[in-house]
């Protein structure tokens, strides 16, 4: 390989790196340079979406927990959870305590 080709390869690598950095700064998802990187990016996006999706019903339930005497299981059903246990897990993850403790502190 001649020095011209090596320099060209180096320039291509630099261009790709700059393109990725530009995309990150612009708020777009960077191109994956490998399959494992692509899988990691997808996993990260899914986790973020799952966290956001579980946050909205939990935030709505907080107000209901403070302002009503409804059983927690009934509140869980009102906010789309199949049972109290399915509600308690994302509630604890988002709020740092269980719905029962949250209600007592309110």
PDB file of N, CA and C in Angstrom:
ATOM      1  N   UNK A   1       0.847  -1.167   0.000  1.00  0.00           N
ATOM      2  CA  UNK A   1       0.000   0.000   0.000  1.00  0.00           C
ATOM      3  C   UNK A   1       0.895   1.234   0.000  1.00  0.00           C
ATOM      4  N   UNK A   2       0.581   2.162  -0.818  1.00  0.00           N
ATOM      5  CA  UNK A   2       1.401   3.370  -0.888  1.00  0.00           C
ATOM      6  C   UNK A   2       1.013   4.326   0.222  1.00  0.00           C
ATOM      7  N   UNK A   3       1.875   5.294   0.438  1.00  0.00           N
ATOM      8  CA  UNK A   3       1.574   6.272   1.482  1.00  0.00           C
ATOM      9  C   UNK A   3       0.326   7.069   1.134  1.00  0.00           C
ATOM     10  N   UNK A   4       0.045   7.231  -0.165  1.00  0.00           N
ATOM     11  CA  UNK A   4      -1.168   7.936  -0.577  1.00  0.00           C
ATOM     12  C   UNK A   4      -2.404   7.174  -0.107  1.00  0.00           C
ATOM     13  N   UNK A   5      -2.409   5.842  -0.299  1.00  0.00           N
ATOM     14  CA  UNK A   5      -3.553   5.039   0.118  1.00  0.00           C
ATOM     15  C   UNK A   5      -3.711   5.036   1.637  1.00  0.00           C
ATOM     16  N   UNK A   6      -2.589   4.927   2.355  1.00  0.00           N
ATOM     17  CA  UNK A   6      -2.669   4.953   3.813  1.00  0.00           C
ATOM     18  C   UNK A   6      -3.241   6.281   4.295  1.00  0.00           C
ATOM     19  N   UNK A   7      -2.803   7.355   3.691  1.00  0.00           N
ATOM     20  CA  UNK A   7      -3.328   8.672   4.049  1.00  0.00           C
ATOM     21  C   UNK A   7      -4.803   8.777   3.725  1.00  0.00           C
ATOM     22  N   UNK A   8      -5.207   8.210   2.613  1.00  0.00           N
ATOM     23  CA  UNK A   8      -6.613   8.223   2.219  1.00  0.00           C
ATOM     24  C   UNK A   8      -7.457   7.425   3.203  1.00  0.00           C
ATOM     25  N   UNK A   9      -6.968   6.253   3.627  1.00  0.00           N
ATOM     26  CA  UNK A   9      -7.683   5.434   4.610  1.00  0.00           C
ATOM     27  C   UNK A   9      -7.818   6.188   5.934  1.00  0.00           C
ATOM     28  N   UNK A  10      -6.743   6.845   6.322  1.00  0.00           N
ATOM     29  CA  UNK A  10      -6.759   7.609   7.565  1.00  0.00           C
ATOM     30  C   UNK A  10      -7.787   8.743   7.462  1.00  0.00           C
ATOM     31  N   UNK A  11      -7.842   9.394   6.300  1.00  0.00           N
ATOM     32  CA  UNK A  11      -8.800  10.479   6.084  1.00  0.00           C
ATOM     33  C   UNK A  11     -10.232   9.947   6.147  1.00  0.00           C
ATOM     34  N   UNK A  12     -10.467   8.764   5.548  1.00  0.00           N
ATOM     35  CA  UNK A  12     -11.802   8.160   5.597  1.00  0.00           C
ATOM     36  C   UNK A  12     -12.213   7.887   7.039  1.00  0.00           C
ATOM     37  N   UNK A  13     -11.292   7.368   7.844  1.00  0.00           N
ATOM     38  CA  UNK A  13     -11.574   7.080   9.252  1.00  0.00           C
ATOM     39  C   UNK A  13     -11.882   8.374  10.010  1.00  0.00           C
ATOM     40  N   UNK A  14     -11.090   9.411   9.748  1.00  0.00           N
ATOM     41  CA  UNK A  14     -11.311  10.704  10.399  1.00  0.00           C
ATOM     42  C   UNK A  14     -12.657  11.281   9.995  1.00  0.00           C
ATOM     43  N   UNK A  15     -12.995  11.176   8.700  1.00  0.00           N
ATOM     44  CA  UNK A  15     -14.285  11.679   8.225  1.00  0.00           C
ATOM     45  C   UNK A  15     -15.441  10.955   8.900  1.00  0.00           C
ATOM     46  N   UNK A  16     -15.336   9.639   9.045  1.00  0.00           N
ATOM     47  CA  UNK A  16     -16.389   8.853   9.689  1.00  0.00           C
ATOM     48  C   UNK A  16     -16.527   9.251  11.156  1.00  0.00           C
ATOM     49  N   UNK A  17     -15.407   9.421  11.837  1.00  0.00           N
ATOM     50  CA  UNK A  17     -15.440   9.832  13.244  1.00  0.00           C
ATOM     51  C   UNK A  17     -16.086  11.207  13.383  1.00  0.00           C
ATOM     52  N   UNK A  18     -15.718  12.144  12.514  1.00  0.00           N
ATOM     53  CA  UNK A  18     -16.309  13.483  12.566  1.00  0.00           C
ATOM     54  C   UNK A  18     -17.801  13.446  12.258  1.00  0.00           C
ATOM     55  N   UNK A  19     -18.184  12.577  11.332  1.00  0.00           N
ATOM     56  CA  UNK A  19     -19.601  12.439  10.996  1.00  0.00           C
ATOM     57  C   UNK A  19     -20.381  11.935  12.211  1.00  0.00           C
ATOM     58  N   UNK A  20     -19.846  10.945  12.911  1.00  0.00           N
ATOM     59  CA  UNK A  20     -20.499  10.427  14.114  1.00  0.00           C
ATOM     60  C   UNK A  20     -20.614  11.512  15.182  1.00  0.00           C
ATOM     61  N   UNK A  21     -19.527  12.242  15.402  1.00  0.00           N
ATOM     62  CA  UNK A  21     -19.544  13.296  16.417  1.00  0.00           C
ATOM     63  C   UNK A  21     -20.564  14.372  16.065  1.00  0.00           C
ATOM     64  N   UNK A  22     -20.652  14.717  14.792  1.00  0.00           N
ATOM     65  CA  UNK A  22     -21.627  15.710  14.341  1.00  0.00           C
ATOM     66  C   UNK A  22     -23.041  15.226  14.589  1.00  0.00           C
ATOM     67  N   UNK A  23     -23.292  13.952  14.315  1.00  0.00           N
ATOM     68  CA  UNK A  23     -24.627  13.400  14.531  1.00  0.00           C
ATOM     69  C   UNK A  23     -24.980  13.394  16.013  1.00  0.00           C
ATOM     70  N   UNK A  24     -24.015  13.092  16.855  1.00  0.00           N
ATOM     71  CA  UNK A  24     -24.261  13.095  18.297  1.00  0.00           C
ATOM     72  C   UNK A  24     -24.597  14.508  18.752  1.00  0.00           C
ATOM     73  N   UNK A  25     -23.811  15.484  18.311  1.00  0.00           N
ATOM     74  CA  UNK A  25     -24.059  16.874  18.692  1.00  0.00           C
ATOM     75  C   UNK A  25     -25.394  17.369  18.158  1.00  0.00           C
ATOM     76  N   UNK A  26     -25.807  16.867  17.002  1.00  0.00           N
ATOM     77  CA  UNK A  26     -27.084  17.275  16.408  1.00  0.00           C
ATOM     78  C   UNK A  26     -28.258  16.570  17.067  1.00  0.00           C
ATOM     79  N   UNK A  27     -27.974  15.619  17.947  1.00  0.00           N
ATOM     80  CA  UNK A  27     -29.043  14.925  18.653  1.00  0.00           C
ATOM     81  C   UNK A  27     -29.582  13.722  17.918  1.00  0.00           C
ATOM     82  N   UNK A  28     -28.896  13.260  16.901  1.00  0.00           N
ATOM     83  CA  UNK A  28     -29.328  12.065  16.191  1.00  0.00           C
ATOM     84  C   UNK A  28     -28.505  10.878  16.643  1.00  0.00           C
ATOM     85  N   UNK A  29     -29.008   9.696  16.393  1.00  0.00           N
ATOM     86  CA  UNK A  29     -28.312   8.482  16.801  1.00  0.00           C
ATOM     87  C   UNK A  29     -27.108   8.268  15.892  1.00  0.00           C
ATOM     88  N   UNK A  30     -25.922   8.077  16.461  1.00  0.00           N
ATOM     89  CA  UNK A  30     -24.737   7.850  15.631  1.00  0.00           C
ATOM     90  C   UNK A  30     -24.788   6.499  14.924  1.00  0.00           C
ATOM     91  N   UNK A  31     -24.091   6.417  13.813  1.00  0.00           N
ATOM     92  CA  UNK A  31     -24.008   5.163  13.077  1.00  0.00           C
ATOM     93  C   UNK A  31     -23.236   4.140  13.890  1.00  0.00           C
ATOM     94  N   UNK A  32     -23.670   2.932  13.828  1.00  0.00           N
ATOM     95  CA  UNK A  32     -22.971   1.866  14.546  1.00  0.00           C
ATOM     96  C   UNK A  32     -21.795   1.397  13.708  1.00  0.00           C
ATOM     97  N   UNK A  33     -20.629   1.326  14.315  1.00  0.00           N
ATOM     98  CA  UNK A  33     -19.462   0.861  13.578  1.00  0.00           C
ATOM     99  C   UNK A  33     -19.333  -0.651  13.659  1.00  0.00           C
ATOM    100  N   UNK A  34     -20.133  -1.279  14.513  1.00  0.00           N
ATOM    101  CA  UNK A  34     -20.108  -2.733  14.610  1.00  0.00           C
ATOM    102  C   UNK A  34     -21.481  -3.224  15.040  1.00  0.00           C
ATOM    103  N   UNK A  35     -21.730  -4.502  14.856  1.00  0.00           N
ATOM    104  CA  UNK A  35     -23.017  -5.086  15.230  1.00  0.00           C
ATOM    105  C   UNK A  35     -23.254  -4.969  16.734  1.00  0.00           C
ATOM    106  N   UNK A  36     -22.227  -5.196  17.534  1.00  0.00           N
ATOM    107  CA  UNK A  36     -22.414  -5.113  18.987  1.00  0.00           C
ATOM    108  C   UNK A  36     -22.754  -3.689  19.415  1.00  0.00           C
ATOM    109  N   UNK A  37     -22.162  -2.711  18.758  1.00  0.00           N
ATOM    110  CA  UNK A  37     -22.485  -1.317  19.074  1.00  0.00           C
ATOM    111  C   UNK A  37     -23.936  -1.014  18.707  1.00  0.00           C
ATOM    112  N   UNK A  38     -24.398  -1.537  17.584  1.00  0.00           N
ATOM    113  CA  UNK A  38     -25.786  -1.332  17.167  1.00  0.00           C
ATOM    114  C   UNK A  38     -26.749  -1.962  18.166  1.00  0.00           C
ATOM    115  N   UNK A  39     -26.428  -3.150  18.634  1.00  0.00           N
ATOM    116  CA  UNK A  39     -27.277  -3.836  19.620  1.00  0.00           C
ATOM    117  C   UNK A  39     -27.299  -3.051  20.930  1.00  0.00           C
ATOM    118  N   UNK A  40     -26.149  -2.558  21.364  1.00  0.00           N
ATOM    119  CA  UNK A  40     -26.086  -1.754  22.590  1.00  0.00           C
ATOM    120  C   UNK A  40     -26.931  -0.487  22.468  1.00  0.00           C
ATOM    121  N   UNK A  41     -26.884   0.152  21.298  1.00  0.00           N
ATOM    122  CA  UNK A  41     -27.674   1.364  21.084  1.00  0.00           C
ATOM    123  C   UNK A  41     -29.163   1.054  21.144  1.00  0.00           C
ATOM    124  N   UNK A  42     -29.591  -0.031  20.511  1.00  0.00           N
ATOM    125  CA  UNK A  42     -31.001  -0.425  20.550  1.00  0.00           C
ATOM    126  C   UNK A  42     -31.446  -0.736  21.968  1.00  0.00           C
ATOM    127  N   UNK A  43     -30.627  -1.461  22.702  1.00  0.00           N
ATOM    128  CA  UNK A  43     -30.956  -1.811  24.085  1.00  0.00           C
ATOM    129  C   UNK A  43     -31.122  -0.541  24.921  1.00  0.00           C
ATOM    130  N   UNK A  44     -30.215   0.400  24.744  1.00  0.00           N
ATOM    131  CA  UNK A  44     -30.273   1.658  25.490  1.00  0.00           C
ATOM    132  C   UNK A  44     -31.550   2.434  25.151  1.00  0.00           C
ATOM    133  N   UNK A  45     -31.904   2.499  23.871  1.00  0.00           N
ATOM    134  CA  UNK A  45     -33.122   3.199  23.460  1.00  0.00           C
ATOM    135  C   UNK A  45     -34.362   2.539  24.039  1.00  0.00           C
ATOM    136  N   UNK A  46     -34.421   1.220  23.995  1.00  0.00           N
ATOM    137  CA  UNK A  46     -35.580   0.496  24.530  1.00  0.00           C
ATOM    138  C   UNK A  46     -35.721   0.717  26.030  1.00  0.00           C
ATOM    139  N   UNK A  47     -34.619   0.680  26.756  1.00  0.00           N
ATOM    140  CA  UNK A  47     -34.670   0.882  28.208  1.00  0.00           C
ATOM    141  C   UNK A  47     -35.170   2.283  28.534  1.00  0.00           C
ATOM    142  N   UNK A  48     -34.705   3.256  27.772  1.00  0.00           N
ATOM    143  CA  UNK A  48     -35.159   4.630  27.986  1.00  0.00           C
ATOM    144  C   UNK A  48     -36.639   4.789  27.719  1.00  0.00           C
ATOM    145  N   UNK A  49     -37.109   4.180  26.654  1.00  0.00           N
ATOM    146  CA  UNK A  49     -38.539   4.250  26.331  1.00  0.00           C
ATOM    147  C   UNK A  49     -39.369   3.533  27.380  1.00  0.00           C
ATOM    148  N   UNK A  50     -38.910   2.393  27.837  1.00  0.00           N
ATOM    149  CA  UNK A  50     -39.650   1.645  28.858  1.00  0.00           C
ATOM    150  C   UNK A  50     -39.727   2.452  30.152  1.00  0.00           C
ATOM    151  N   UNK A  51     -38.623   3.109  30.508  1.00  0.00           N
ATOM    152  CA  UNK A  51     -38.606   3.944  31.710  1.00  0.00           C
ATOM    153  C   UNK A  51     -39.597   5.098  31.581  1.00  0.00           C
ATOM    154  N   UNK A  52     -39.606   5.751  30.422  1.00  0.00           N
ATOM    155  CA  UNK A  52     -40.521   6.873  30.208  1.00  0.00           C
ATOM    156  C   UNK A  52     -41.970   6.412  30.194  1.00  0.00           C
ATOM    157  N   UNK A  53     -42.217   5.264  29.569  1.00  0.00           N
ATOM    158  CA  UNK A  53     -43.585   4.745  29.497  1.00  0.00           C
ATOM    159  C   UNK A  53     -44.121   4.412  30.881  1.00  0.00           C
ATOM    160  N   UNK A  54     -43.273   3.893  31.752  1.00  0.00           N
ATOM    161  CA  UNK A  54     -43.738   3.539  33.092  1.00  0.00           C
ATOM    162  C   UNK A  54     -43.808   4.752  34.008  1.00  0.00           C
ATOM    163  N   UNK A  55     -43.152   5.852  33.647  1.00  0.00           N
ATOM    164  CA  UNK A  55     -43.127   7.030  34.498  1.00  0.00           C
ATOM    165  C   UNK A  55     -44.474   7.752  34.503  1.00  0.00           C
ATOM    166  N   UNK A  56     -45.142   7.898  33.376  1.00  0.00           N
ATOM    167  CA  UNK A  56     -46.384   8.655  33.291  1.00  0.00           C
ATOM    168  C   UNK A  56     -47.483   8.088  34.174  1.00  0.00           C
ATOM    169  N   UNK A  57     -47.810   6.784  34.088  1.00  0.00           N
ATOM    170  CA  UNK A  57     -48.845   6.264  34.975  1.00  0.00           C
ATOM    171  C   UNK A  57     -48.448   6.373  36.446  1.00  0.00           C
ATOM    172  N   UNK A  58     -47.180   6.209  36.736  1.00  0.00           N
ATOM    173  CA  UNK A  58     -46.714   6.308  38.122  1.00  0.00           C
ATOM    174  C   UNK A  58     -46.919   7.734  38.629  1.00  0.00           C
ATOM    175  N   UNK A  59     -46.597   8.717  37.812  1.00  0.00           N
ATOM    176  CA  UNK A  59     -46.774  10.106  38.233  1.00  0.00           C
ATOM    177  C   UNK A  59     -48.248  10.418  38.475  1.00  0.00           C
ATOM    178  N   UNK A  60     -49.120   9.914  37.614  1.00  0.00           N
ATOM    179  CA  UNK A  60     -50.548  10.112  37.821  1.00  0.00           C
ATOM    180  C   UNK A  60     -51.039   9.422  39.078  1.00  0.00           C
ATOM    181  N   UNK A  61     -50.517   8.251  39.340  1.00  0.00           N
ATOM    182  CA  UNK A  61     -50.925   7.493  40.521  1.00  0.00           C
ATOM    183  C   UNK A  61     -50.484   8.181  41.809  1.00  0.00           C
ATOM    184  N   UNK A  62     -49.395   8.918  41.771  1.00  0.00           N
ATOM    185  CA  UNK A  62     -48.921   9.629  42.963  1.00  0.00           C
ATOM    186  C   UNK A  62     -50.000  10.558  43.506  1.00  0.00           C
ATOM    187  N   UNK A  63     -50.612  11.317  42.619  1.00  0.00           N
ATOM    188  CA  UNK A  63     -51.666  12.242  43.047  1.00  0.00           C
ATOM    189  C   UNK A  63     -52.851  11.484  43.641  1.00  0.00           C
ATOM    190  N   UNK A  64     -53.225  10.386  43.000  1.00  0.00           N
ATOM    191  CA  UNK A  64     -54.342   9.586  43.498  1.00  0.00           C
ATOM    192  C   UNK A  64     -54.018   8.982  44.860  1.00  0.00           C
ATOM    193  N   UNK A  65     -52.796   8.532  45.046  1.00  0.00           N
ATOM    194  CA  UNK A  65     -52.401   7.970  46.344  1.00  0.00           C
ATOM    195  C   UNK A  65     -52.536   9.008  47.459  1.00  0.00           C
ATOM    196  N   UNK A  66     -52.173  10.232  47.182  1.00  0.00           N
ATOM    197  CA  UNK A  66     -52.242  11.286  48.195  1.00  0.00           C
ATOM    198  C   UNK A  66     -53.667  11.764  48.447  1.00  0.00           C
ATOM    199  N   UNK A  67     -54.477  11.804  47.380  1.00  0.00           N
ATOM    200  CA  UNK A  67     -55.785  12.454  47.474  1.00  0.00           C
ATOM    201  C   UNK A  67     -56.972  11.512  47.603  1.00  0.00           C
ATOM    202  N   UNK A  68     -56.738  10.231  47.781  1.00  0.00           N
ATOM    203  CA  UNK A  68     -57.873   9.311  47.923  1.00  0.00           C
ATOM    204  C   UNK A  68     -57.533   8.191  48.900  1.00  0.00           C
ATOM    205  N   UNK A  69     -58.572   7.515  49.314  1.00  0.00           N
ATOM    206  CA  UNK A  69     -58.403   6.352  50.193  1.00  0.00           C
ATOM    207  C   UNK A  69     -58.598   5.047  49.431  1.00  0.00           C
ATOM    208  N   UNK A  70     -58.590   5.132  48.102  1.00  0.00           N
ATOM    209  CA  UNK A  70     -58.755   3.926  47.281  1.00  0.00           C
ATOM    210  C   UNK A  70     -57.672   2.918  47.627  1.00  0.00           C
ATOM    211  N   UNK A  71     -58.002   1.644  47.599  1.00  0.00           N
ATOM    212  CA  UNK A  71     -56.958   0.624  47.789  1.00  0.00           C
ATOM    213  C   UNK A  71     -55.907   0.721  46.674  1.00  0.00           C
ATOM    214  N   UNK A  72     -54.679   0.430  47.017  1.00  0.00           N
ATOM    215  CA  UNK A  72     -53.584   0.521  46.047  1.00  0.00           C
ATOM    216  C   UNK A  72     -53.829  -0.403  44.859  1.00  0.00           C
ATOM    217  N   UNK A  73     -54.393  -1.572  45.099  1.00  0.00           N
ATOM    218  CA  UNK A  73     -54.687  -2.504  44.000  1.00  0.00           C
ATOM    219  C   UNK A  73     -55.664  -1.875  43.009  1.00  0.00           C
ATOM    220  N   UNK A  74     -56.630  -1.131  43.494  1.00  0.00           N
ATOM    221  CA  UNK A  74     -57.603  -0.472  42.617  1.00  0.00           C
ATOM    222  C   UNK A  74     -56.945   0.667  41.829  1.00  0.00           C
ATOM    223  N   UNK A  75     -56.068   1.404  42.476  1.00  0.00           N
ATOM    224  CA  UNK A  75     -55.324   2.466  41.788  1.00  0.00           C
ATOM    225  C   UNK A  75     -54.465   1.859  40.683  1.00  0.00           C
ATOM    226  N   UNK A  76     -53.840   0.732  40.981  1.00  0.00           N
ATOM    227  CA  UNK A  76     -53.019   0.041  39.976  1.00  0.00           C
ATOM    228  C   UNK A  76     -53.853  -0.274  38.743  1.00  0.00           C
ATOM    229  N   UNK A  77     -55.040  -0.814  38.933  1.00  0.00           N
ATOM    230  CA  UNK A  77     -55.926  -1.135  37.809  1.00  0.00           C
ATOM    231  C   UNK A  77     -56.350   0.130  37.072  1.00  0.00           C
ATOM    232  N   UNK A  78     -56.658   1.195  37.808  1.00  0.00           N
ATOM    233  CA  UNK A  78     -57.068   2.464  37.191  1.00  0.00           C
ATOM    234  C   UNK A  78     -56.004   3.018  36.253  1.00  0.00           C
ATOM    235  N   UNK A  79     -54.742   2.764  36.568  1.00  0.00           N
ATOM    236  CA  UNK A  79     -53.653   3.307  35.760  1.00  0.00           C
ATOM    237  C   UNK A  79     -53.058   2.284  34.791  1.00  0.00           C
ATOM    238  N   UNK A  80     -53.810   1.207  34.538  1.00  0.00           N
ATOM    239  CA  UNK A  80     -53.440   0.279  33.475  1.00  0.00           C
ATOM    240  C   UNK A  80     -52.539  -0.872  33.861  1.00  0.00           C
ATOM    241  N   UNK A  81     -52.298  -1.072  35.134  1.00  0.00           N
ATOM    242  CA  UNK A  81     -51.482  -2.200  35.570  1.00  0.00           C
ATOM    243  C   UNK A  81     -52.393  -3.392  35.835  1.00  0.00           C
ATOM    244  N   UNK A  82     -51.881  -4.599  35.603  1.00  0.00           N
ATOM    245  CA  UNK A  82     -52.718  -5.796  35.738  1.00  0.00           C
ATOM    246  C   UNK A  82     -52.985  -6.158  37.195  1.00  0.00           C
ATOM    247  N   UNK A  83     -52.119  -5.737  38.099  1.00  0.00           N
ATOM    248  CA  UNK A  83     -52.336  -5.983  39.527  1.00  0.00           C
ATOM    249  C   UNK A  83     -51.410  -5.077  40.345  1.00  0.00           C
ATOM    250  N   UNK A  84     -51.521  -5.162  41.655  1.00  0.00           N
ATOM    251  CA  UNK A  84     -50.742  -4.291  42.535  1.00  0.00           C
ATOM    252  C   UNK A  84     -49.243  -4.550  42.412  1.00  0.00           C
ATOM    253  N   UNK A  85     -48.861  -5.797  42.256  1.00  0.00           N
ATOM    254  CA  UNK A  85     -47.443  -6.134  42.132  1.00  0.00           C
ATOM    255  C   UNK A  85     -46.831  -5.517  40.870  1.00  0.00           C
ATOM    256  N   UNK A  86     -47.573  -5.587  39.762  1.00  0.00           N
ATOM    257  CA  UNK A  86     -47.085  -5.009  38.503  1.00  0.00           C
ATOM    258  C   UNK A  86     -46.975  -3.490  38.601  1.00  0.00           C
ATOM    259  N   UNK A  87     -47.739  -2.886  39.467  1.00  0.00           N
ATOM    260  CA  UNK A  87     -47.695  -1.443  39.705  1.00  0.00           C
ATOM    261  C   UNK A  87     -46.547  -1.070  40.653  1.00  0.00           C
ATOM    262  N   UNK A  88     -46.345  -1.870  41.679  1.00  0.00           N
ATOM    263  CA  UNK A  88     -45.356  -1.559  42.709  1.00  0.00           C
ATOM    264  C   UNK A  88     -43.932  -1.532  42.152  1.00  0.00           C
ATOM    265  N   UNK A  89     -43.611  -2.430  41.242  1.00  0.00           N
ATOM    266  CA  UNK A  89     -42.236  -2.492  40.714  1.00  0.00           C
ATOM    267  C   UNK A  89     -41.821  -1.200  40.008  1.00  0.00           C
ATOM    268  N   UNK A  90     -42.579  -0.714  38.996  1.00  0.00           N
ATOM    269  CA  UNK A  90     -42.159   0.544  38.365  1.00  0.00           C
ATOM    270  C   UNK A  90     -42.302   1.750  39.298  1.00  0.00           C
ATOM    271  N   UNK A  91     -43.266   1.676  40.222  1.00  0.00           N
ATOM    272  CA  UNK A  91     -43.422   2.771  41.183  1.00  0.00           C
ATOM    273  C   UNK A  91     -42.157   2.899  42.028  1.00  0.00           C
ATOM    274  N   UNK A  92     -41.684   1.785  42.555  1.00  0.00           N
ATOM    275  CA  UNK A  92     -40.466   1.797  43.383  1.00  0.00           C
ATOM    276  C   UNK A  92     -39.256   2.240  42.561  1.00  0.00           C
ATOM    277  N   UNK A  93     -39.169   1.775  41.319  1.00  0.00           N
ATOM    278  CA  UNK A  93     -38.042   2.137  40.454  1.00  0.00           C
ATOM    279  C   UNK A  93     -38.026   3.652  40.194  1.00  0.00           C
ATOM    280  N   UNK A  94     -39.200   4.247  39.976  1.00  0.00           N
ATOM    281  CA  UNK A  94     -39.274   5.675  39.659  1.00  0.00           C
ATOM    282  C   UNK A  94     -39.289   6.581  40.886  1.00  0.00           C
ATOM    283  N   UNK A  95     -39.914   6.142  41.962  1.00  0.00           N
ATOM    284  CA  UNK A  95     -40.097   7.008  43.127  1.00  0.00           C
ATOM    285  C   UNK A  95     -39.150   6.681  44.284  1.00  0.00           C
ATOM    286  N   UNK A  96     -38.544   5.503  44.257  1.00  0.00           N
ATOM    287  CA  UNK A  96     -37.598   5.130  45.302  1.00  0.00           C
ATOM    288  C   UNK A  96     -38.232   4.524  46.544  1.00  0.00           C
ATOM    289  N   UNK A  97     -39.544   4.322  46.522  1.00  0.00           N
ATOM    290  CA  UNK A  97     -40.239   3.674  47.629  1.00  0.00           C
ATOM    291  C   UNK A  97     -41.540   3.069  47.116  1.00  0.00           C
ATOM    292  N   UNK A  98     -42.161   2.258  47.934  1.00  0.00           N
ATOM    293  CA  UNK A  98     -43.385   1.575  47.506  1.00  0.00           C
ATOM    294  C   UNK A  98     -44.574   2.539  47.557  1.00  0.00           C
ATOM    295  N   UNK A  99     -45.664   2.209  46.856  1.00  0.00           N
ATOM    296  CA  UNK A  99     -46.856   3.061  46.916  1.00  0.00           C
ATOM    297  C   UNK A  99     -47.394   3.221  48.345  1.00  0.00           C
ATOM    298  N   UNK A 100     -47.347   2.155  49.141  1.00  0.00           N
ATOM    299  CA  UNK A 100     -47.858   2.228  50.518  1.00  0.00           C
ATOM    300  C   UNK A 100     -47.048   3.215  51.359  1.00  0.00           C
ATOM    301  N   UNK A 101     -45.732   3.163  51.248  1.00  0.00           N
ATOM    302  CA  UNK A 101     -44.874   4.089  52.000  1.00  0.00           C
ATOM    303  C   UNK A 101     -45.082   5.515  51.490  1.00  0.00           C
ATOM    304  N   UNK A 102     -45.188   5.667  50.174  1.00  0.00           N
ATOM    305  CA  UNK A 102     -45.427   6.984  49.580  1.00  0.00           C
ATOM    306  C   UNK A 102     -46.716   7.586  50.134  1.00  0.00           C
ATOM    307  N   UNK A 103     -47.768   6.790  50.209  1.00  0.00           N
ATOM    308  CA  UNK A 103     -49.065   7.261  50.718  1.00  0.00           C
ATOM    309  C   UNK A 103     -48.943   7.687  52.189  1.00  0.00           C
ATOM    310  N   UNK A 104     -48.238   6.919  52.989  1.00  0.00           N
ATOM    311  CA  UNK A 104     -48.087   7.245  54.418  1.00  0.00           C
ATOM    312  C   UNK A 104     -47.334   8.552  54.625  1.00  0.00           C
ATOM    313  N   UNK A 105     -46.346   8.813  53.767  1.00  0.00           N
ATOM    314  CA  UNK A 105     -45.552  10.043  53.903  1.00  0.00           C
ATOM    315  C   UNK A 105     -46.321  11.269  53.427  1.00  0.00           C
ATOM    316  N   UNK A 106     -47.334  11.049  52.593  1.00  0.00           N
ATOM    317  CA  UNK A 106     -48.106  12.159  52.031  1.00  0.00           C
ATOM    318  C   UNK A 106     -49.010  12.736  53.014  1.00  0.00           C
TER     319      UNK A 106
END
